[in-house]
N, C-alpha and C. Protein backbone atom coordinates (compact mmCIF):
# COMPACT_ATOMS: atom_id res chain seq x y z
N MET A 1 -67.82 41.26 106.93
CA MET A 1 -69.06 40.25 108.04
C MET A 1 -67.59 38.91 108.24
N LYS A 2 -68.05 38.49 109.30
CA LYS A 2 -67.09 37.40 109.18
C LYS A 2 -67.14 36.15 109.37
N LEU A 3 -66.66 35.10 108.34
CA LEU A 3 -66.64 34.05 108.00
C LEU A 3 -65.68 32.93 109.35
N ILE A 4 -66.69 31.88 109.23
CA ILE A 4 -65.41 31.02 110.20
C ILE A 4 -65.54 29.70 109.29
N ILE A 5 -64.63 29.06 108.83
CA ILE A 5 -64.50 28.39 108.02
C ILE A 5 -64.00 26.99 108.52
N ILE A 6 -64.26 25.43 108.81
CA ILE A 6 -63.00 24.60 108.94
C ILE A 6 -62.85 24.21 108.69
N PRO A 7 -60.98 24.16 108.72
CA PRO A 7 -60.09 24.33 107.39
C PRO A 7 -60.00 22.21 106.84
N SER A 8 -60.10 22.86 105.52
CA SER A 8 -60.17 21.42 104.42
C SER A 8 -58.81 19.97 105.67
N ARG A 9 -59.05 19.19 104.85
CA ARG A 9 -58.57 17.43 105.11
C ARG A 9 -58.32 17.92 106.76
N LYS A 10 -59.36 18.04 107.67
CA LYS A 10 -59.29 17.80 109.02
C LYS A 10 -59.45 16.30 109.56
N ILE A 11 -58.84 15.82 110.13
CA ILE A 11 -58.86 14.09 110.05
C ILE A 11 -59.46 14.11 111.79
N SER A 12 -60.73 13.13 111.50
CA SER A 12 -61.20 13.09 112.02
C SER A 12 -60.88 11.55 112.73
N ARG A 13 -61.70 11.49 113.92
CA ARG A 13 -61.18 10.16 115.01
C ARG A 13 -61.16 8.84 114.20
N ASP A 14 -62.22 8.77 113.42
CA ASP A 14 -61.97 7.87 112.32
C ASP A 14 -61.21 7.04 111.60
N LYS A 15 -60.18 8.55 111.12
CA LYS A 15 -58.98 8.77 110.21
C LYS A 15 -59.71 8.84 109.01
N LYS A 16 -61.01 9.25 108.48
CA LYS A 16 -61.19 9.73 107.56
C LYS A 16 -60.98 11.17 107.17
N ILE A 17 -60.60 11.80 105.95
CA ILE A 17 -60.60 12.84 105.44
C ILE A 17 -61.23 13.84 105.27
N MET A 18 -61.83 15.19 105.91
CA MET A 18 -62.63 16.22 105.39
C MET A 18 -62.27 16.40 104.32
N THR A 19 -62.35 16.91 103.21
CA THR A 19 -62.09 17.97 101.68
C THR A 19 -62.68 18.79 101.39
N ALA A 20 -64.32 18.95 102.21
CA ALA A 20 -65.08 20.24 102.17
C ALA A 20 -64.78 21.03 103.20
N LYS A 21 -64.30 22.60 102.54
CA LYS A 21 -64.36 23.48 102.89
C LYS A 21 -65.76 23.98 103.52
N ILE A 22 -65.91 24.26 105.16
CA ILE A 22 -67.76 24.56 105.25
C ILE A 22 -67.03 25.90 106.24
N HIS A 23 -68.44 26.66 105.68
CA HIS A 23 -68.60 28.07 106.57
C HIS A 23 -70.12 28.11 106.35
N ALA A 24 -69.53 29.60 107.51
CA ALA A 24 -71.52 30.35 107.57
C ALA A 24 -71.41 31.44 106.84
N LEU A 25 -72.68 32.17 106.65
CA LEU A 25 -71.99 33.48 105.71
C LEU A 25 -74.27 33.89 105.92
N ILE A 26 -74.51 35.22 106.52
CA ILE A 26 -75.65 35.34 105.92
C ILE A 26 -76.15 36.12 104.90
N ALA A 27 -76.56 35.53 104.37
CA ALA A 27 -76.94 36.36 102.89
C ALA A 27 -78.36 35.19 102.40
N ASP A 28 -79.03 36.09 101.24
CA ASP A 28 -80.18 35.84 100.38
C ASP A 28 -79.26 34.13 99.34
N ILE A 29 -80.67 33.27 100.38
CA ILE A 29 -79.69 31.74 99.87
C ILE A 29 -80.24 31.77 97.97
N THR A 30 -81.12 32.10 97.69
CA THR A 30 -81.35 32.14 96.31
C THR A 30 -80.13 33.10 95.29
N THR A 31 -79.61 34.10 96.14
CA THR A 31 -78.52 34.68 95.55
C THR A 31 -77.22 34.00 95.01
N LEU A 32 -77.22 32.68 95.91
CA LEU A 32 -76.13 32.80 96.38
C LEU A 32 -75.51 31.39 94.21
N GLN A 33 -73.98 32.01 94.10
CA GLN A 33 -73.42 31.82 92.66
C GLN A 33 -72.80 29.91 93.14
N VAL A 34 -73.43 28.54 93.69
CA VAL A 34 -73.42 28.03 93.78
C VAL A 34 -74.09 27.00 92.75
N GLU A 35 -73.29 25.50 92.87
CA GLU A 35 -73.79 24.34 91.99
C GLU A 35 -74.98 24.23 92.61
N ALA A 36 -75.74 24.28 93.96
CA ALA A 36 -76.92 23.29 94.29
C ALA A 36 -76.98 24.24 95.97
N ILE A 37 -79.15 24.51 95.82
CA ILE A 37 -79.11 25.41 97.23
C ILE A 37 -80.17 24.22 97.61
N VAL A 38 -80.48 24.02 98.92
CA VAL A 38 -80.98 22.95 99.44
C VAL A 38 -82.06 24.01 99.95
N ASN A 39 -83.64 23.50 99.36
CA ASN A 39 -84.63 24.26 99.51
C ASN A 39 -85.49 23.79 101.41
N ALA A 40 -85.86 24.26 102.19
CA ALA A 40 -86.53 23.59 103.40
C ALA A 40 -87.91 23.49 102.74
N ALA A 41 -88.28 22.84 102.43
CA ALA A 41 -89.55 22.10 101.22
C ALA A 41 -90.53 21.49 102.42
N ASN A 42 -91.82 21.60 102.05
CA ASN A 42 -92.90 20.35 102.63
C ASN A 42 -93.07 19.60 101.66
N SER A 43 -93.93 18.20 102.25
CA SER A 43 -94.14 17.04 102.02
C SER A 43 -94.81 16.76 100.39
N ARG A 44 -95.47 17.82 100.04
CA ARG A 44 -95.84 18.09 98.84
C ARG A 44 -95.19 18.54 97.53
N LEU A 45 -94.02 19.04 98.39
CA LEU A 45 -93.26 19.84 97.51
C LEU A 45 -94.57 21.16 96.33
N MET A 46 -94.60 21.73 97.17
CA MET A 46 -95.23 22.86 96.69
C MET A 46 -95.20 24.58 97.30
N ALA A 47 -95.30 25.31 96.31
CA ALA A 47 -94.58 26.41 96.98
C ALA A 47 -94.88 26.65 98.49
N GLY A 48 -94.46 27.00 99.24
CA GLY A 48 -94.82 27.75 100.81
C GLY A 48 -94.69 28.91 101.15
N GLY A 49 -94.44 29.15 102.26
CA GLY A 49 -94.04 30.30 102.43
C GLY A 49 -92.23 30.23 102.72
N GLY A 50 -91.91 31.56 103.71
CA GLY A 50 -90.35 31.51 104.05
C GLY A 50 -89.57 31.00 102.88
N ILE A 51 -88.49 30.84 103.51
CA ILE A 51 -87.41 30.30 102.43
C ILE A 51 -88.04 29.62 101.39
N ASP A 52 -88.91 28.97 100.89
CA ASP A 52 -89.58 27.39 100.22
C ASP A 52 -90.57 28.77 99.49
N GLY A 53 -90.75 29.83 99.50
CA GLY A 53 -91.67 30.65 98.75
C GLY A 53 -90.75 31.35 98.33
N ALA A 54 -89.30 32.18 98.73
CA ALA A 54 -88.52 32.95 97.77
C ALA A 54 -87.96 31.84 96.93
N ILE A 55 -87.31 30.71 97.30
CA ILE A 55 -86.65 30.03 96.11
C ILE A 55 -87.73 29.45 94.78
N HIS A 56 -89.26 29.59 95.19
CA HIS A 56 -89.90 28.96 93.93
C HIS A 56 -89.64 30.15 93.06
N ARG A 57 -90.32 31.20 93.75
CA ARG A 57 -90.44 32.63 93.49
C ARG A 57 -89.53 33.26 92.54
N ALA A 58 -87.40 32.82 92.86
CA ALA A 58 -86.76 33.36 92.48
C ALA A 58 -86.47 32.46 91.29
N ALA A 59 -86.80 31.20 91.11
CA ALA A 59 -86.65 30.06 90.39
C ALA A 59 -87.42 30.22 89.16
N GLY A 60 -88.67 30.77 89.22
CA GLY A 60 -89.97 30.20 88.35
C GLY A 60 -90.86 29.52 88.30
N PRO A 61 -92.03 29.85 87.69
CA PRO A 61 -93.26 28.63 87.54
C PRO A 61 -92.62 26.96 87.08
N GLU A 62 -91.61 27.13 86.24
CA GLU A 62 -90.84 25.46 85.54
C GLU A 62 -90.95 25.07 86.90
N LEU A 63 -90.07 25.71 88.40
CA LEU A 63 -90.00 24.70 89.27
C LEU A 63 -91.33 24.11 90.22
N GLN A 64 -92.31 24.87 90.34
CA GLN A 64 -93.16 23.65 90.61
C GLN A 64 -93.55 22.66 89.61
N ARG A 65 -93.65 23.18 88.47
CA ARG A 65 -94.33 21.91 87.82
C ARG A 65 -92.62 20.94 87.54
N ALA A 66 -92.15 21.49 87.71
CA ALA A 66 -90.96 19.75 87.97
C ALA A 66 -91.20 18.98 89.79
N CYS A 67 -91.51 20.22 90.36
CA CYS A 67 -91.40 19.43 91.59
C CYS A 67 -93.06 18.77 91.67
N ASP A 68 -94.06 18.99 90.94
CA ASP A 68 -95.28 18.13 90.39
C ASP A 68 -94.53 16.65 90.42
N GLN A 69 -93.79 16.19 89.04
CA GLN A 69 -93.56 15.18 88.31
C GLN A 69 -92.78 14.68 89.76
N LEU A 70 -92.46 15.32 90.58
CA LEU A 70 -91.56 14.21 91.67
C LEU A 70 -92.40 13.69 92.92
N GLY A 71 -93.67 13.71 93.23
CA GLY A 71 -94.66 12.46 93.80
C GLY A 71 -94.34 13.20 95.11
N GLY A 72 -93.91 13.86 95.50
CA GLY A 72 -93.81 14.58 97.21
C GLY A 72 -92.14 14.21 97.69
N CYS A 73 -92.49 14.39 98.74
CA CYS A 73 -91.07 13.87 99.68
C CYS A 73 -91.45 13.68 101.06
N THR A 74 -90.64 12.51 101.16
CA THR A 74 -91.45 12.11 102.78
C THR A 74 -90.09 12.84 103.59
N THR A 75 -90.64 13.19 104.41
CA THR A 75 -89.92 13.84 106.22
C THR A 75 -88.31 13.51 106.24
N GLY A 76 -86.82 14.09 106.10
CA GLY A 76 -86.19 12.79 106.36
C GLY A 76 -85.57 12.85 104.39
N ASP A 77 -85.96 12.95 103.97
CA ASP A 77 -85.46 12.95 102.58
C ASP A 77 -85.75 14.31 101.97
N ALA A 78 -84.57 14.01 100.69
CA ALA A 78 -84.48 14.54 100.35
C ALA A 78 -84.38 14.29 98.41
N LYS A 79 -85.20 15.66 97.57
CA LYS A 79 -85.42 15.21 95.94
C LYS A 79 -84.73 16.05 95.34
N LEU A 80 -83.57 16.29 94.05
CA LEU A 80 -83.36 16.74 93.20
C LEU A 80 -83.83 17.46 92.32
N THR A 81 -83.89 18.93 91.81
CA THR A 81 -84.94 19.48 90.48
C THR A 81 -83.40 20.34 89.62
N LYS A 82 -83.74 21.17 88.31
CA LYS A 82 -82.91 21.72 88.46
C LYS A 82 -83.60 23.26 88.71
N GLY A 83 -82.29 24.00 89.05
CA GLY A 83 -82.38 25.55 89.58
C GLY A 83 -83.15 26.76 89.02
N PHE A 84 -83.44 26.07 87.43
CA PHE A 84 -84.69 27.13 86.73
C PHE A 84 -83.91 28.71 86.45
N GLN A 85 -84.39 29.48 87.19
CA GLN A 85 -84.04 30.49 87.29
C GLN A 85 -83.11 31.32 88.08
N LEU A 86 -82.80 30.26 89.08
CA LEU A 86 -81.57 30.82 89.90
C LEU A 86 -79.93 30.81 89.33
N PRO A 87 -79.48 31.26 90.16
CA PRO A 87 -77.94 31.05 90.00
C PRO A 87 -77.37 29.85 90.62
N ALA A 88 -77.86 28.86 91.01
CA ALA A 88 -77.89 27.80 90.93
C ALA A 88 -77.95 27.05 90.24
N LYS A 89 -77.41 26.01 89.80
CA LYS A 89 -77.99 24.74 88.46
C LYS A 89 -78.81 23.76 89.52
N TYR A 90 -79.10 23.51 90.43
CA TYR A 90 -79.89 22.73 91.22
C TYR A 90 -80.10 23.22 92.69
N ILE A 91 -81.75 22.68 92.78
CA ILE A 91 -82.34 23.08 93.97
C ILE A 91 -82.17 21.37 94.97
N ILE A 92 -82.28 20.88 95.57
CA ILE A 92 -82.45 20.24 96.61
C ILE A 92 -83.38 20.38 97.64
N HIS A 93 -84.34 19.42 97.34
CA HIS A 93 -85.53 19.99 98.28
C HIS A 93 -85.47 18.56 99.53
N ALA A 94 -85.56 19.31 100.43
CA ALA A 94 -85.61 18.51 101.71
C ALA A 94 -86.60 18.65 102.31
N VAL A 95 -86.97 17.90 103.37
CA VAL A 95 -88.28 18.23 104.53
C VAL A 95 -87.52 17.15 105.06
N GLY A 96 -87.58 18.40 106.28
CA GLY A 96 -86.87 18.44 107.84
C GLY A 96 -88.26 18.31 108.46
N PRO A 97 -88.30 18.04 109.68
CA PRO A 97 -89.23 17.27 110.82
C PRO A 97 -89.60 18.91 111.31
N ILE A 98 -91.76 19.20 111.88
CA ILE A 98 -92.32 19.43 112.53
C ILE A 98 -91.72 19.32 114.00
N TRP A 99 -91.06 20.77 114.37
CA TRP A 99 -91.25 20.30 116.02
C TRP A 99 -92.10 19.24 117.16
N HIS A 100 -92.05 19.21 117.64
CA HIS A 100 -93.17 18.15 118.35
C HIS A 100 -92.40 17.98 120.12
N GLY A 101 -91.70 18.89 120.19
CA GLY A 101 -90.70 19.06 122.30
C GLY A 101 -89.95 18.07 121.83
N GLY A 102 -89.39 17.40 120.44
CA GLY A 102 -88.36 16.80 120.66
C GLY A 102 -88.27 15.09 120.36
N SER A 103 -89.43 14.32 121.78
CA SER A 103 -90.12 13.64 121.49
C SER A 103 -90.44 11.96 120.18
N ARG A 104 -90.51 12.51 118.86
CA ARG A 104 -91.17 12.49 117.89
C ARG A 104 -89.92 12.29 116.44
N GLY A 105 -89.11 11.47 117.40
CA GLY A 105 -87.72 11.34 116.34
C GLY A 105 -87.07 12.65 115.43
N GLU A 106 -87.74 13.16 116.08
CA GLU A 106 -87.47 15.28 115.27
C GLU A 106 -85.91 15.35 114.92
N ALA A 107 -84.87 14.71 115.61
CA ALA A 107 -83.35 14.64 115.71
C ALA A 107 -83.10 13.97 114.83
N GLN A 108 -83.17 12.54 114.52
CA GLN A 108 -83.15 11.89 113.82
C GLN A 108 -83.48 11.59 112.37
N TYR A 109 -84.84 12.54 111.62
CA TYR A 109 -85.27 13.09 110.60
C TYR A 109 -84.26 13.96 109.88
N LEU A 110 -83.92 15.48 111.51
CA LEU A 110 -83.44 16.37 110.87
C LEU A 110 -82.45 16.15 110.48
N ALA A 111 -81.38 15.26 111.20
CA ALA A 111 -80.21 14.95 110.62
C ALA A 111 -80.61 14.11 109.44
N SER A 112 -81.21 13.13 108.84
CA SER A 112 -81.71 13.16 108.07
C SER A 112 -81.23 13.62 106.19
N CYS A 113 -82.24 14.82 106.86
CA CYS A 113 -82.19 16.01 105.66
C CYS A 113 -80.75 16.18 105.29
N TYR A 114 -80.04 16.40 106.10
CA TYR A 114 -78.86 17.21 105.87
C TYR A 114 -78.24 15.79 105.26
N GLN A 115 -77.96 15.11 105.47
CA GLN A 115 -77.32 13.57 105.33
C GLN A 115 -77.91 13.37 104.08
N ARG A 116 -79.38 12.94 103.66
CA ARG A 116 -79.99 12.66 102.17
C ARG A 116 -79.26 13.85 101.36
N SER A 117 -79.71 15.29 101.65
CA SER A 117 -79.11 16.20 101.05
C SER A 117 -77.66 16.29 99.97
N LEU A 118 -76.72 15.66 101.35
CA LEU A 118 -74.81 15.19 100.43
C LEU A 118 -75.48 14.48 99.71
N GLU A 119 -76.25 13.28 99.98
CA GLU A 119 -75.81 11.84 98.71
C GLU A 119 -76.62 12.81 97.77
N VAL A 120 -77.57 12.94 97.79
CA VAL A 120 -78.20 13.55 96.44
C VAL A 120 -77.65 14.31 95.32
N ALA A 121 -76.37 15.41 96.28
CA ALA A 121 -75.54 16.07 95.74
C ALA A 121 -74.86 15.44 95.24
N ALA A 122 -73.97 14.31 95.96
CA ALA A 122 -73.02 13.35 95.57
C ALA A 122 -73.14 12.66 94.26
N GLU A 123 -74.33 12.17 94.31
CA GLU A 123 -75.08 11.38 93.07
C GLU A 123 -75.17 12.31 92.19
N ALA A 124 -74.73 13.23 92.11
CA ALA A 124 -75.23 14.37 91.03
C ALA A 124 -73.82 14.83 90.45
N GLY A 125 -72.93 14.59 90.83
CA GLY A 125 -72.11 15.39 91.01
C GLY A 125 -71.67 17.06 91.52
N ILE A 126 -72.25 17.16 91.84
CA ILE A 126 -72.61 18.55 92.77
C ILE A 126 -71.02 18.91 93.58
N THR A 127 -70.55 19.88 93.63
CA THR A 127 -69.01 20.54 94.33
C THR A 127 -69.56 21.62 95.25
N SER A 128 -70.42 22.27 95.58
CA SER A 128 -70.22 23.21 96.16
C SER A 128 -72.27 23.35 96.67
N ILE A 129 -72.78 23.38 97.75
CA ILE A 129 -73.84 23.31 98.21
C ILE A 129 -74.00 24.12 99.09
N ALA A 130 -75.27 25.15 99.55
CA ALA A 130 -75.76 25.94 100.43
C ALA A 130 -77.43 25.16 100.86
N PHE A 131 -76.82 25.13 102.55
CA PHE A 131 -77.99 25.11 103.30
C PHE A 131 -78.60 26.34 104.43
N PRO A 132 -79.72 26.14 104.04
CA PRO A 132 -80.74 26.84 104.83
C PRO A 132 -80.89 26.57 106.14
N CYS A 133 -81.41 26.93 107.14
CA CYS A 133 -80.86 26.60 108.58
C CYS A 133 -83.15 25.56 108.59
N LEU A 134 -82.91 24.62 108.62
CA LEU A 134 -83.41 23.81 107.80
C LEU A 134 -84.74 23.84 109.15
N SER A 135 -85.84 23.86 108.90
CA SER A 135 -86.76 23.31 109.98
C SER A 135 -86.93 23.98 111.45
N THR A 136 -85.86 25.32 111.64
CA THR A 136 -86.74 26.14 112.43
C THR A 136 -86.92 27.39 112.22
N GLY A 137 -87.58 27.32 110.93
CA GLY A 137 -89.11 28.65 110.64
C GLY A 137 -90.02 28.16 110.97
N ILE A 138 -91.00 27.92 109.97
CA ILE A 138 -92.57 27.53 110.44
C ILE A 138 -92.94 26.24 111.29
N PHE A 139 -91.57 25.74 111.04
CA PHE A 139 -91.93 24.43 111.56
C PHE A 139 -91.02 24.14 113.04
N GLY A 140 -91.22 25.08 113.49
CA GLY A 140 -90.40 25.22 115.04
C GLY A 140 -89.15 24.73 115.53
N TYR A 141 -88.41 24.13 114.57
CA TYR A 141 -87.05 23.66 115.48
C TYR A 141 -86.66 24.14 116.22
N PRO A 142 -86.06 24.07 117.47
CA PRO A 142 -85.25 25.14 118.21
C PRO A 142 -83.92 25.56 117.28
N ALA A 143 -83.62 26.44 117.30
CA ALA A 143 -82.36 26.90 116.24
C ALA A 143 -81.01 26.43 117.04
N HIS A 144 -80.72 26.50 117.94
CA HIS A 144 -79.39 26.10 118.32
C HIS A 144 -79.46 24.28 118.60
N LYS A 145 -80.33 23.91 118.76
CA LYS A 145 -80.54 22.48 118.47
C LYS A 145 -80.37 22.36 117.27
N ALA A 146 -81.59 22.84 116.33
CA ALA A 146 -80.87 22.24 114.69
C ALA A 146 -79.37 22.65 113.92
N ALA A 147 -79.10 23.94 114.66
CA ALA A 147 -77.75 23.79 114.51
C ALA A 147 -76.11 23.11 114.94
N GLN A 148 -76.64 22.40 115.83
CA GLN A 148 -75.63 21.22 116.18
C GLN A 148 -75.95 20.24 115.62
N ILE A 149 -77.09 19.77 115.56
CA ILE A 149 -77.44 18.49 114.66
C ILE A 149 -76.94 18.98 113.23
N ALA A 150 -77.37 20.00 112.57
CA ALA A 150 -76.71 20.34 110.95
C ALA A 150 -75.06 20.01 110.95
N LEU A 151 -74.69 20.83 111.79
CA LEU A 151 -73.11 21.14 111.84
C LEU A 151 -72.58 19.49 111.76
N MET A 152 -72.85 18.39 112.86
CA MET A 152 -72.85 16.97 113.24
C MET A 152 -73.00 16.41 111.91
N THR A 153 -74.05 16.58 111.61
CA THR A 153 -74.70 15.28 110.35
C THR A 153 -73.57 15.79 108.80
N VAL A 154 -73.47 17.21 108.85
CA VAL A 154 -72.73 17.61 107.89
C VAL A 154 -71.53 17.39 108.05
N THR A 155 -70.74 17.57 109.16
CA THR A 155 -69.34 17.27 108.94
C THR A 155 -68.96 15.89 109.02
N GLU A 156 -70.01 14.92 109.64
CA GLU A 156 -69.66 13.56 109.49
C GLU A 156 -69.81 13.23 108.08
N THR A 157 -71.12 13.14 107.24
CA THR A 157 -71.37 12.82 106.39
C THR A 157 -70.14 13.52 105.00
N ALA A 158 -69.93 14.37 105.32
CA ALA A 158 -69.46 15.02 104.35
C ALA A 158 -67.28 14.49 104.13
N LYS A 159 -67.22 13.94 104.94
CA LYS A 159 -66.09 12.75 104.96
C LYS A 159 -66.03 11.45 104.05
N ARG A 160 -67.87 11.29 103.60
CA ARG A 160 -67.90 10.23 102.53
C ARG A 160 -67.95 10.64 101.16
N PHE A 161 -67.66 12.14 100.80
CA PHE A 161 -67.87 11.92 99.78
C PHE A 161 -66.70 13.33 99.42
N SER A 162 -65.46 13.22 98.32
CA SER A 162 -64.40 13.99 98.56
C SER A 162 -64.68 14.86 97.84
N THR A 163 -65.77 14.81 96.46
CA THR A 163 -66.31 15.39 95.61
C THR A 163 -66.90 16.61 96.15
N ILE A 164 -67.20 16.75 96.89
CA ILE A 164 -67.96 17.78 97.78
C ILE A 164 -67.24 18.78 98.51
N LYS A 165 -66.93 19.96 97.32
CA LYS A 165 -65.74 21.07 98.00
C LYS A 165 -65.95 22.00 99.15
N GLU A 166 -67.11 22.12 98.72
CA GLU A 166 -67.63 23.45 99.68
C GLU A 166 -68.86 23.28 100.35
N ILE A 167 -68.95 23.46 101.89
CA ILE A 167 -70.61 23.54 102.40
C ILE A 167 -70.45 24.64 102.78
N ILE A 168 -71.82 24.93 102.31
CA ILE A 168 -72.26 26.95 102.98
C ILE A 168 -73.20 26.60 103.83
N PHE A 169 -73.54 27.62 105.50
CA PHE A 169 -74.31 26.86 106.23
C PHE A 169 -75.32 28.48 105.73
N CYS A 170 -76.06 29.02 105.56
CA CYS A 170 -77.04 30.69 104.82
C CYS A 170 -77.48 30.05 105.57
N CYS A 171 -77.62 31.87 106.65
CA CYS A 171 -78.35 31.92 107.44
C CYS A 171 -79.03 33.37 107.04
N PHE A 172 -80.49 33.54 107.41
CA PHE A 172 -81.13 34.87 106.90
C PHE A 172 -80.49 35.83 108.24
N SER A 173 -80.71 35.57 109.63
CA SER A 173 -80.86 36.13 110.38
C SER A 173 -79.45 35.92 111.12
N GLN A 174 -79.06 37.55 111.63
CA GLN A 174 -77.90 37.42 112.73
C GLN A 174 -77.85 36.21 114.14
N GLU A 175 -78.76 36.06 114.81
CA GLU A 175 -79.00 34.83 115.77
C GLU A 175 -78.51 33.73 115.09
N ASP A 176 -78.78 33.63 114.22
CA ASP A 176 -78.56 31.89 113.03
C ASP A 176 -77.14 31.87 113.19
N PHE A 177 -76.35 33.08 112.63
CA PHE A 177 -75.26 32.91 111.62
C PHE A 177 -74.60 33.39 112.93
N GLU A 178 -74.85 33.78 114.02
CA GLU A 178 -74.00 33.66 115.52
C GLU A 178 -73.84 32.37 116.14
N LEU A 179 -75.04 31.40 115.86
CA LEU A 179 -75.13 30.25 116.44
C LEU A 179 -73.91 29.05 115.60
N TYR A 180 -73.98 29.37 114.32
CA TYR A 180 -73.01 28.44 113.10
C TYR A 180 -71.81 29.25 113.62
N GLN A 181 -71.23 30.24 113.81
CA GLN A 181 -70.32 30.59 114.13
C GLN A 181 -69.73 30.27 115.23
N HIS A 182 -70.35 30.07 116.34
CA HIS A 182 -69.95 29.02 117.85
C HIS A 182 -69.61 28.06 117.17
N TYR A 183 -70.78 27.52 116.71
CA TYR A 183 -70.23 25.83 116.54
C TYR A 183 -69.36 26.36 115.82
N LEU A 184 -69.23 26.35 114.72
CA LEU A 184 -68.09 26.06 113.20
C LEU A 184 -66.56 26.20 113.81
N SER A 185 -66.49 27.64 115.28
CA SER A 185 -65.30 27.17 116.01
C SER A 185 -65.45 27.00 116.76
N THR A 186 -65.94 26.29 117.49
CA THR A 186 -65.58 24.95 118.31
C THR A 186 -65.46 23.47 117.75
N ALA A 187 -65.79 23.63 116.29
CA ALA A 187 -65.70 22.22 115.50
C ALA A 187 -64.26 22.59 115.25
N ALA A 188 -63.54 23.99 114.52
CA ALA A 188 -62.03 24.28 114.27
C ALA A 188 -61.20 23.79 115.25
N SER A 189 -61.49 24.03 116.50
CA SER A 189 -60.50 24.18 117.48
C SER A 189 -60.05 22.59 118.32
N GLU A 190 -61.09 21.90 117.83
CA GLU A 190 -61.29 20.36 118.70
C GLU A 190 -60.31 19.22 117.83
């Protein structure tokens, strides 16, 4: 499997230095050895299907009890819980937008999910984080548009947090991995 990595210490146009290593891989996010994984959550923070369901099953019933204490989460926001039975110490629950054709602020909400997840991670002192492809499953966001937003937002936001050292885009499918591979290669050559 080929990994595409954006080199650390890449200087942006605004002269801020990005210290995080960003890469993509194909894997089961529930098995990753990182400090935090991001959950593609729903606004009620109830166990659902897809990645959300897999994370809830792998973390155990304590996760739902912890989520119940958070009072839900609005679209575009993110909240933190322990990882319970996962290898990851924490789970950041991000609520992405449902795709309605792009006319209801979906891009802004999706970008906010990635930004808020990194802000929550930085506040908790997390140094490594893995993201799934947010909103592209049952929420229907077009994968190519979501990947562009994810990478742009993460590379810009990561510059603010020198404590975050590794950011992984954990893809479930080969097609998603190839999208991230393409966009990461483009970013690395800029």
